[in-house]
PDB file of N, CA and C in Angstrom:
ATOM      1  N   UNK A   1      -8.286   8.980   5.053  1.00  0.00           N
ATOM      2  CA  UNK A   1      -9.014   8.955   3.807  1.00  0.00           C
ATOM      3  C   UNK A   1      -9.411   7.508   3.520  1.00  0.00           C
ATOM      4  N   UNK A   2     -10.636   7.309   3.133  1.00  0.00           N
ATOM      5  CA  UNK A   2     -11.096   5.969   2.790  1.00  0.00           C
ATOM      6  C   UNK A   2     -11.285   5.861   1.274  1.00  0.00           C
ATOM      7  N   UNK A   3     -11.752   4.709   0.823  1.00  0.00           N
ATOM      8  CA  UNK A   3     -11.909   4.459  -0.617  1.00  0.00           C
ATOM      9  C   UNK A   3     -12.866   5.462  -1.263  1.00  0.00           C
ATOM     10  N   UNK A   4     -13.952   5.785  -0.577  1.00  0.00           N
ATOM     11  CA  UNK A   4     -14.940   6.720  -1.138  1.00  0.00           C
ATOM     12  C   UNK A   4     -14.331   8.108  -1.342  1.00  0.00           C
ATOM     13  N   UNK A   5     -13.563   8.572  -0.361  1.00  0.00           N
ATOM     14  CA  UNK A   5     -12.897   9.874  -0.481  1.00  0.00           C
ATOM     15  C   UNK A   5     -11.903   9.864  -1.638  1.00  0.00           C
ATOM     16  N   UNK A   6     -11.175   8.766  -1.755  1.00  0.00           N
ATOM     17  CA  UNK A   6     -10.202   8.640  -2.831  1.00  0.00           C
ATOM     18  C   UNK A   6     -10.891   8.635  -4.194  1.00  0.00           C
ATOM     19  N   UNK A   7     -11.999   7.931  -4.299  1.00  0.00           N
ATOM     20  CA  UNK A   7     -12.757   7.918  -5.557  1.00  0.00           C
ATOM     21  C   UNK A   7     -13.249   9.316  -5.923  1.00  0.00           C
ATOM     22  N   UNK A   8     -13.695  10.068  -4.951  1.00  0.00           N
ATOM     23  CA  UNK A   8     -14.157  11.425  -5.200  1.00  0.00           C
ATOM     24  C   UNK A   8     -13.024  12.298  -5.727  1.00  0.00           C
ATOM     25  N   UNK A   9     -11.843  12.163  -5.123  1.00  0.00           N
ATOM     26  CA  UNK A   9     -10.692  12.950  -5.587  1.00  0.00           C
ATOM     27  C   UNK A   9     -10.251  12.542  -6.990  1.00  0.00           C
ATOM     28  N   UNK A  10     -10.300  11.246  -7.283  1.00  0.00           N
ATOM     29  CA  UNK A  10      -9.950  10.784  -8.626  1.00  0.00           C
ATOM     30  C   UNK A  10     -10.955  11.324  -9.632  1.00  0.00           C
ATOM     31  N   UNK A  11     -12.221  11.282  -9.277  1.00  0.00           N
ATOM     32  CA  UNK A  11     -13.278  11.795 -10.153  1.00  0.00           C
ATOM     33  C   UNK A  11     -13.054  13.276 -10.436  1.00  0.00           C
ATOM     34  N   UNK A  12     -12.703  14.050  -9.440  1.00  0.00           N
ATOM     35  CA  UNK A  12     -12.437  15.476  -9.620  1.00  0.00           C
ATOM     36  C   UNK A  12     -11.192  15.692 -10.479  1.00  0.00           C
ATOM     37  N   UNK A  13     -10.168  14.868 -10.272  1.00  0.00           N
ATOM     38  CA  UNK A  13      -8.925  15.005 -11.041  1.00  0.00           C
ATOM     39  C   UNK A  13      -9.137  14.653 -12.505  1.00  0.00           C
ATOM     40  N   UNK A  14     -10.056  13.735 -12.783  1.00  0.00           N
ATOM     41  CA  UNK A  14     -10.351  13.363 -14.170  1.00  0.00           C
ATOM     42  C   UNK A  14     -11.194  14.418 -14.874  1.00  0.00           C
ATOM     43  N   UNK A  15     -11.734  15.331 -14.130  1.00  0.00           N
ATOM     44  CA  UNK A  15     -12.571  16.382 -14.709  1.00  0.00           C
ATOM     45  C   UNK A  15     -13.986  16.247 -14.195  1.00  0.00           C
ATOM     46  N   UNK A  16     -14.693  17.331 -14.214  1.00  0.00           N
ATOM     47  CA  UNK A  16     -16.052  17.351 -13.684  1.00  0.00           C
ATOM     48  C   UNK A  16     -17.013  16.446 -14.416  1.00  0.00           C
ATOM     49  N   UNK A  17     -16.679  16.073 -15.656  1.00  0.00           N
ATOM     50  CA  UNK A  17     -17.598  15.245 -16.432  1.00  0.00           C
ATOM     51  C   UNK A  17     -17.369  13.754 -16.230  1.00  0.00           C
ATOM     52  N   UNK A  18     -16.287  13.381 -15.543  1.00  0.00           N
ATOM     53  CA  UNK A  18     -15.993  11.967 -15.309  1.00  0.00           C
ATOM     54  C   UNK A  18     -17.018  11.385 -14.339  1.00  0.00           C
ATOM     55  N   UNK A  19     -17.426  10.174 -14.608  1.00  0.00           N
ATOM     56  CA  UNK A  19     -18.408   9.523 -13.748  1.00  0.00           C
ATOM     57  C   UNK A  19     -17.715   8.836 -12.572  1.00  0.00           C
ATOM     58  N   UNK A  20     -18.519   8.495 -11.595  1.00  0.00           N
ATOM     59  CA  UNK A  20     -17.987   7.773 -10.445  1.00  0.00           C
ATOM     60  C   UNK A  20     -17.492   6.408 -10.888  1.00  0.00           C
ATOM     61  N   UNK A  21     -18.173   5.816 -11.852  1.00  0.00           N
ATOM     62  CA  UNK A  21     -17.766   4.514 -12.390  1.00  0.00           C
ATOM     63  C   UNK A  21     -16.406   4.587 -13.057  1.00  0.00           C
ATOM     64  N   UNK A  22     -16.150   5.673 -13.782  1.00  0.00           N
ATOM     65  CA  UNK A  22     -14.850   5.846 -14.440  1.00  0.00           C
ATOM     66  C   UNK A  22     -13.747   5.979 -13.391  1.00  0.00           C
ATOM     67  N   UNK A  23     -14.028   6.714 -12.329  1.00  0.00           N
ATOM     68  CA  UNK A  23     -13.048   6.867 -11.251  1.00  0.00           C
ATOM     69  C   UNK A  23     -12.778   5.527 -10.578  1.00  0.00           C
ATOM     70  N   UNK A  24     -13.831   4.741 -10.390  1.00  0.00           N
ATOM     71  CA  UNK A  24     -13.671   3.427  -9.763  1.00  0.00           C
ATOM     72  C   UNK A  24     -12.867   2.494 -10.654  1.00  0.00           C
ATOM     73  N   UNK A  25     -13.109   2.531 -11.961  1.00  0.00           N
ATOM     74  CA  UNK A  25     -12.340   1.711 -12.893  1.00  0.00           C
ATOM     75  C   UNK A  25     -10.867   2.114 -12.872  1.00  0.00           C
ATOM     76  N   UNK A  26     -10.593   3.413 -12.821  1.00  0.00           N
ATOM     77  CA  UNK A  26      -9.216   3.902 -12.795  1.00  0.00           C
ATOM     78  C   UNK A  26      -8.516   3.428 -11.520  1.00  0.00           C
ATOM     79  N   UNK A  27      -9.172   3.566 -10.380  1.00  0.00           N
ATOM     80  CA  UNK A  27      -8.583   3.139  -9.115  1.00  0.00           C
ATOM     81  C   UNK A  27      -8.342   1.633  -9.100  1.00  0.00           C
ATOM     82  N   UNK A  28      -9.324   0.860  -9.545  1.00  0.00           N
ATOM     83  CA  UNK A  28      -9.182  -0.596  -9.577  1.00  0.00           C
ATOM     84  C   UNK A  28      -8.042  -1.023 -10.488  1.00  0.00           C
ATOM     85  N   UNK A  29      -7.890  -0.349 -11.627  1.00  0.00           N
ATOM     86  CA  UNK A  29      -6.808  -0.681 -12.562  1.00  0.00           C
ATOM     87  C   UNK A  29      -5.449  -0.424 -11.926  1.00  0.00           C
ATOM     88  N   UNK A  30      -5.313   0.688 -11.230  1.00  0.00           N
ATOM     89  CA  UNK A  30      -4.037   1.007 -10.573  1.00  0.00           C
ATOM     90  C   UNK A  30      -3.747   0.001  -9.463  1.00  0.00           C
ATOM     91  N   UNK A  31      -4.738  -0.318  -8.656  1.00  0.00           N
ATOM     92  CA  UNK A  31      -4.536  -1.264  -7.559  1.00  0.00           C
ATOM     93  C   UNK A  31      -4.180  -2.658  -8.080  1.00  0.00           C
ATOM     94  N   UNK A  32      -4.837  -3.103  -9.158  1.00  0.00           N
ATOM     95  CA  UNK A  32      -4.512  -4.402  -9.752  1.00  0.00           C
ATOM     96  C   UNK A  32      -3.090  -4.410 -10.299  1.00  0.00           C
ATOM     97  N   UNK A  33      -2.682  -3.309 -10.935  1.00  0.00           N
ATOM     98  CA  UNK A  33      -1.332  -3.221 -11.490  1.00  0.00           C
ATOM     99  C   UNK A  33      -0.282  -3.258 -10.378  1.00  0.00           C
ATOM    100  N   UNK A  34      -0.535  -2.573  -9.275  1.00  0.00           N
ATOM    101  CA  UNK A  34       0.400  -2.579  -8.145  1.00  0.00           C
ATOM    102  C   UNK A  34       0.473  -3.989  -7.551  1.00  0.00           C
ATOM    103  N   UNK A  35      -0.668  -4.628  -7.368  1.00  0.00           N
ATOM    104  CA  UNK A  35      -0.675  -5.989  -6.825  1.00  0.00           C
ATOM    105  C   UNK A  35       0.080  -6.950  -7.729  1.00  0.00           C
ATOM    106  N   UNK A  36      -0.137  -6.859  -9.034  1.00  0.00           N
ATOM    107  CA  UNK A  36       0.549  -7.733  -9.983  1.00  0.00           C
ATOM    108  C   UNK A  36       2.055  -7.485  -9.941  1.00  0.00           C
ATOM    109  N   UNK A  37       2.458  -6.229  -9.879  1.00  0.00           N
ATOM    110  CA  UNK A  37       3.878  -5.909  -9.802  1.00  0.00           C
ATOM    111  C   UNK A  37       4.523  -6.453  -8.543  1.00  0.00           C
ATOM    112  N   UNK A  38       3.811  -6.383  -7.433  1.00  0.00           N
ATOM    113  CA  UNK A  38       4.343  -6.914  -6.168  1.00  0.00           C
ATOM    114  C   UNK A  38       4.469  -8.430  -6.220  1.00  0.00           C
ATOM    115  N   UNK A  39       3.479  -9.090  -6.800  1.00  0.00           N
ATOM    116  CA  UNK A  39       3.533 -10.546  -6.888  1.00  0.00           C
ATOM    117  C   UNK A  39       4.629 -11.020  -7.841  1.00  0.00           C
ATOM    118  N   UNK A  40       4.808 -10.318  -8.960  1.00  0.00           N
ATOM    119  CA  UNK A  40       5.777 -10.736  -9.969  1.00  0.00           C
ATOM    120  C   UNK A  40       7.207 -10.329  -9.609  1.00  0.00           C
ATOM    121  N   UNK A  41       7.387  -9.098  -9.169  1.00  0.00           N
ATOM    122  CA  UNK A  41       8.729  -8.576  -8.981  1.00  0.00           C
ATOM    123  C   UNK A  41       9.073  -8.263  -7.521  1.00  0.00           C
ATOM    124  N   UNK A  42       8.065  -8.195  -6.664  1.00  0.00           N
ATOM    125  CA  UNK A  42       8.311  -7.910  -5.263  1.00  0.00           C
ATOM    126  C   UNK A  42       8.499  -6.440  -4.945  1.00  0.00           C
ATOM    127  N   UNK A  43       8.408  -5.582  -5.973  1.00  0.00           N
ATOM    128  CA  UNK A  43       8.620  -4.152  -5.748  1.00  0.00           C
ATOM    129  C   UNK A  43       7.919  -3.340  -6.839  1.00  0.00           C
ATOM    130  N   UNK A  44       7.327  -2.220  -6.428  1.00  0.00           N
ATOM    131  CA  UNK A  44       6.725  -1.278  -7.364  1.00  0.00           C
ATOM    132  C   UNK A  44       7.189   0.111  -6.955  1.00  0.00           C
ATOM    133  N   UNK A  45       7.892   0.791  -7.871  1.00  0.00           N
ATOM    134  CA  UNK A  45       8.379   2.142  -7.605  1.00  0.00           C
ATOM    135  C   UNK A  45       7.570   3.131  -8.428  1.00  0.00           C
ATOM    136  N   UNK A  46       7.069   4.163  -7.765  1.00  0.00           N
ATOM    137  CA  UNK A  46       6.337   5.232  -8.429  1.00  0.00           C
ATOM    138  C   UNK A  46       7.124   6.522  -8.218  1.00  0.00           C
ATOM    139  N   UNK A  47       7.728   7.017  -9.302  1.00  0.00           N
ATOM    140  CA  UNK A  47       8.571   8.208  -9.221  1.00  0.00           C
ATOM    141  C   UNK A  47       7.793   9.371  -8.630  1.00  0.00           C
ATOM    142  N   UNK A  48       8.392  10.053  -7.677  1.00  0.00           N
ATOM    143  CA  UNK A  48       7.762  11.194  -7.042  1.00  0.00           C
ATOM    144  C   UNK A  48       6.736  10.834  -5.982  1.00  0.00           C
ATOM    145  N   UNK A  49       6.507   9.543  -5.768  1.00  0.00           N
ATOM    146  CA  UNK A  49       5.531   9.114  -4.760  1.00  0.00           C
ATOM    147  C   UNK A  49       6.180   8.210  -3.725  1.00  0.00           C
ATOM    148  N   UNK A  50       6.775   7.091  -4.197  1.00  0.00           N
ATOM    149  CA  UNK A  50       7.423   6.178  -3.276  1.00  0.00           C
ATOM    150  C   UNK A  50       7.522   4.784  -3.841  1.00  0.00           C
ATOM    151  N   UNK A  51       7.872   3.828  -2.990  1.00  0.00           N
ATOM    152  CA  UNK A  51       8.056   2.449  -3.423  1.00  0.00           C
ATOM    153  C   UNK A  51       7.341   1.497  -2.466  1.00  0.00           C
ATOM    154  N   UNK A  52       6.669   0.516  -3.053  1.00  0.00           N
ATOM    155  CA  UNK A  52       6.052  -0.580  -2.311  1.00  0.00           C
ATOM    156  C   UNK A  52       6.978  -1.769  -2.470  1.00  0.00           C
ATOM    157  N   UNK A  53       7.313  -2.444  -1.376  1.00  0.00           N
ATOM    158  CA  UNK A  53       8.205  -3.595  -1.422  1.00  0.00           C
ATOM    159  C   UNK A  53       7.649  -4.721  -0.551  1.00  0.00           C
ATOM    160  N   UNK A  54       7.771  -5.944  -1.054  1.00  0.00           N
ATOM    161  CA  UNK A  54       7.450  -7.121  -0.262  1.00  0.00           C
ATOM    162  C   UNK A  54       8.749  -7.586   0.373  1.00  0.00           C
ATOM    163  N   UNK A  55       8.698  -7.937   1.651  1.00  0.00           N
ATOM    164  CA  UNK A  55       9.888  -8.458   2.296  1.00  0.00           C
ATOM    165  C   UNK A  55       9.506  -9.661   3.138  1.00  0.00           C
ATOM    166  N   UNK A  56      10.455 -10.545   3.306  1.00  0.00           N
ATOM    167  CA  UNK A  56      10.252 -11.753   4.096  1.00  0.00           C
ATOM    168  C   UNK A  56      10.606 -11.456   5.546  1.00  0.00           C
ATOM    169  N   UNK A  57       9.722 -11.807   6.452  1.00  0.00           N
ATOM    170  CA  UNK A  57       9.966 -11.650   7.887  1.00  0.00           C
ATOM    171  C   UNK A  57      10.138 -13.050   8.463  1.00  0.00           C
ATOM    172  N   UNK A  58      11.234 -13.265   9.139  1.00  0.00           N
ATOM    173  CA  UNK A  58      11.544 -14.585   9.698  1.00  0.00           C
ATOM    174  C   UNK A  58      10.589 -14.947  10.830  1.00  0.00           C
ATOM    175  N   UNK A  59      10.457 -16.237  11.063  1.00  0.00           N
ATOM    176  CA  UNK A  59       9.667 -16.713  12.201  1.00  0.00           C
ATOM    177  C   UNK A  59      10.348 -16.248  13.483  1.00  0.00           C
ATOM    178  N   UNK A  60       9.550 -16.002  14.512  1.00  0.00           N
ATOM    179  CA  UNK A  60      10.130 -15.548  15.778  1.00  0.00           C
ATOM    180  C   UNK A  60       9.252 -15.967  16.946  1.00  0.00           C
ATOM    181  N   UNK A  61       9.816 -15.846  18.115  1.00  0.00           N
ATOM    182  CA  UNK A  61       9.075 -16.146  19.341  1.00  0.00           C
ATOM    183  C   UNK A  61       8.767 -14.834  20.045  1.00  0.00           C
ATOM    184  N   UNK A  62       7.582 -14.745  20.591  1.00  0.00           N
ATOM    185  CA  UNK A  62       7.133 -13.542  21.272  1.00  0.00           C
ATOM    186  C   UNK A  62       6.776 -13.916  22.701  1.00  0.00           C
ATOM    187  N   UNK A  63       7.263 -13.146  23.645  1.00  0.00           N
ATOM    188  CA  UNK A  63       6.979 -13.391  25.047  1.00  0.00           C
ATOM    189  C   UNK A  63       5.868 -12.438  25.484  1.00  0.00           C
ATOM    190  N   UNK A  64       4.737 -12.992  25.938  1.00  0.00           N
ATOM    191  CA  UNK A  64       3.611 -12.175  26.393  1.00  0.00           C
ATOM    192  C   UNK A  64       3.936 -11.640  27.782  1.00  0.00           C
ATOM    193  N   UNK A  65       3.921 -10.319  27.962  1.00  0.00           N
ATOM    194  CA  UNK A  65       4.362  -9.736  29.234  1.00  0.00           C
ATOM    195  C   UNK A  65       3.481 -10.085  30.428  1.00  0.00           C
ATOM    196  N   UNK A  66       2.196 -10.182  30.263  1.00  0.00           N
ATOM    197  CA  UNK A  66       1.314 -10.437  31.395  1.00  0.00           C
ATOM    198  C   UNK A  66       1.456 -11.829  31.968  1.00  0.00           C
ATOM    199  N   UNK A  67       1.513 -12.813  31.097  1.00  0.00           N
ATOM    200  CA  UNK A  67       1.538 -14.202  31.546  1.00  0.00           C
ATOM    201  C   UNK A  67       2.921 -14.839  31.458  1.00  0.00           C
ATOM    202  N   UNK A  68       3.802 -14.245  30.701  1.00  0.00           N
ATOM    203  CA  UNK A  68       5.117 -14.830  30.507  1.00  0.00           C
ATOM    204  C   UNK A  68       5.089 -15.986  29.524  1.00  0.00           C
ATOM    205  N   UNK A  69       3.919 -16.208  28.941  1.00  0.00           N
ATOM    206  CA  UNK A  69       3.763 -17.298  27.976  1.00  0.00           C
ATOM    207  C   UNK A  69       4.459 -16.950  26.664  1.00  0.00           C
ATOM    208  N   UNK A  70       4.974 -17.943  25.999  1.00  0.00           N
ATOM    209  CA  UNK A  70       5.679 -17.746  24.750  1.00  0.00           C
ATOM    210  C   UNK A  70       4.769 -18.123  23.576  1.00  0.00           C
ATOM    211  N   UNK A  71       4.741 -17.257  22.548  1.00  0.00           N
ATOM    212  CA  UNK A  71       3.937 -17.511  21.360  1.00  0.00           C
ATOM    213  C   UNK A  71       4.881 -17.539  20.167  1.00  0.00           C
ATOM    214  N   UNK A  72       4.710 -18.521  19.294  1.00  0.00           N
ATOM    215  CA  UNK A  72       5.540 -18.616  18.096  1.00  0.00           C
ATOM    216  C   UNK A  72       4.815 -17.958  16.930  1.00  0.00           C
ATOM    217  N   UNK A  73       5.459 -16.973  16.318  1.00  0.00           N
ATOM    218  CA  UNK A  73       4.910 -16.306  15.146  1.00  0.00           C
ATOM    219  C   UNK A  73       5.563 -16.911  13.910  1.00  0.00           C
ATOM    220  N   UNK A  74       4.768 -17.365  12.943  1.00  0.00           N
ATOM    221  CA  UNK A  74       5.350 -17.991  11.753  1.00  0.00           C
ATOM    222  C   UNK A  74       6.010 -16.953  10.832  1.00  0.00           C
ATOM    223  N   UNK A  75       6.853 -17.419   9.931  1.00  0.00           N
ATOM    224  CA  UNK A  75       7.451 -16.550   8.921  1.00  0.00           C
ATOM    225  C   UNK A  75       6.322 -16.039   8.018  1.00  0.00           C
ATOM    226  N   UNK A  76       6.516 -14.838   7.509  1.00  0.00           N
ATOM    227  CA  UNK A  76       5.465 -14.268   6.656  1.00  0.00           C
ATOM    228  C   UNK A  76       6.081 -13.243   5.713  1.00  0.00           C
ATOM    229  N   UNK A  77       5.304 -12.881   4.712  1.00  0.00           N
ATOM    230  CA  UNK A  77       5.713 -11.794   3.827  1.00  0.00           C
ATOM    231  C   UNK A  77       4.989 -10.545   4.285  1.00  0.00           C
ATOM    232  N   UNK A  78       5.662  -9.411   4.153  1.00  0.00           N
ATOM    233  CA  UNK A  78       5.127  -8.157   4.675  1.00  0.00           C
ATOM    234  C   UNK A  78       5.299  -7.069   3.610  1.00  0.00           C
ATOM    235  N   UNK A  79       4.295  -6.238   3.473  1.00  0.00           N
ATOM    236  CA  UNK A  79       4.334  -5.127   2.529  1.00  0.00           C
ATOM    237  C   UNK A  79       4.858  -3.892   3.236  1.00  0.00           C
ATOM    238  N   UNK A  80       5.842  -3.230   2.627  1.00  0.00           N
ATOM    239  CA  UNK A  80       6.409  -1.989   3.163  1.00  0.00           C
ATOM    240  C   UNK A  80       6.265  -0.891   2.130  1.00  0.00           C
ATOM    241  N   UNK A  81       5.998   0.318   2.591  1.00  0.00           N
ATOM    242  CA  UNK A  81       5.957   1.485   1.714  1.00  0.00           C
ATOM    243  C   UNK A  81       6.987   2.490   2.209  1.00  0.00           C
ATOM    244  N   UNK A  82       7.788   2.990   1.279  1.00  0.00           N
ATOM    245  CA  UNK A  82       8.769   4.013   1.590  1.00  0.00           C
ATOM    246  C   UNK A  82       8.460   5.221   0.720  1.00  0.00           C
ATOM    247  N   UNK A  83       8.078   6.346   1.314  1.00  0.00           N
ATOM    248  CA  UNK A  83       7.774   7.526   0.502  1.00  0.00           C
ATOM    249  C   UNK A  83       9.041   8.100  -0.127  1.00  0.00           C
ATOM    250  N   UNK A  84       8.881   8.703  -1.297  1.00  0.00           N
ATOM    251  CA  UNK A  84      10.016   9.346  -1.959  1.00  0.00           C
ATOM    252  C   UNK A  84      10.370  10.623  -1.194  1.00  0.00           C
ATOM    253  N   UNK A  85      11.568  11.175  -1.403  1.00  0.00           N
ATOM    254  CA  UNK A  85      11.938  12.421  -0.727  1.00  0.00           C
ATOM    255  C   UNK A  85      10.961  13.565  -1.037  1.00  0.00           C
ATOM    256  N   UNK A  86      10.441  13.621  -2.258  1.00  0.00           N
ATOM    257  CA  UNK A  86       9.479  14.672  -2.607  1.00  0.00           C
ATOM    258  C   UNK A  86       8.198  14.537  -1.775  1.00  0.00           C
ATOM    259  N   UNK A  87       7.752  13.306  -1.612  1.00  0.00           N
ATOM    260  CA  UNK A  87       6.539  13.062  -0.834  1.00  0.00           C
ATOM    261  C   UNK A  87       6.776  13.394   0.634  1.00  0.00           C
ATOM    262  N   UNK A  88       7.942  13.028   1.148  1.00  0.00           N
ATOM    263  CA  UNK A  88       8.257  13.330   2.546  1.00  0.00           C
ATOM    264  C   UNK A  88       8.225  14.829   2.807  1.00  0.00           C
ATOM    265  N   UNK A  89       8.778  15.603   1.883  1.00  0.00           N
ATOM    266  CA  UNK A  89       8.772  17.068   2.061  1.00  0.00           C
ATOM    267  C   UNK A  89       7.357  17.615   2.065  1.00  0.00           C
ATOM    268  N   UNK A  90       6.498  17.086   1.196  1.00  0.00           N
ATOM    269  CA  UNK A  90       5.108  17.565   1.134  1.00  0.00           C
ATOM    270  C   UNK A  90       4.359  17.244   2.416  1.00  0.00           C
ATOM    271  N   UNK A  91       4.701  16.097   3.030  1.00  0.00           N
ATOM    272  CA  UNK A  91       4.008  15.670   4.245  1.00  0.00           C
ATOM    273  C   UNK A  91       4.508  16.385   5.493  1.00  0.00           C
ATOM    274  N   UNK A  92       5.698  16.977   5.415  1.00  0.00           N
ATOM    275  CA  UNK A  92       6.270  17.641   6.589  1.00  0.00           C
ATOM    276  C   UNK A  92       5.638  18.995   6.833  1.00  0.00           C
TER     277      UNK A  92
END
């Protein structure tokens, strides 16, 4: 599913009279709120859906199999999503 498909579903969920612009505003507001929560607290939990968490990944060395050359990967922050048990059951 891409952004356009998601906007269409949001528009339908808001009712047949909702405009595409209203659906886009709703999606943008949710995405901004999730981003702000991740930046401020490092975690956003949505009951019945799942949790988004930022985690720190340590720097590491990677060995390229073809050449045997070593590449250093810097430390970074990584976004993880863990679906709730209800969501997992729906997806199974």
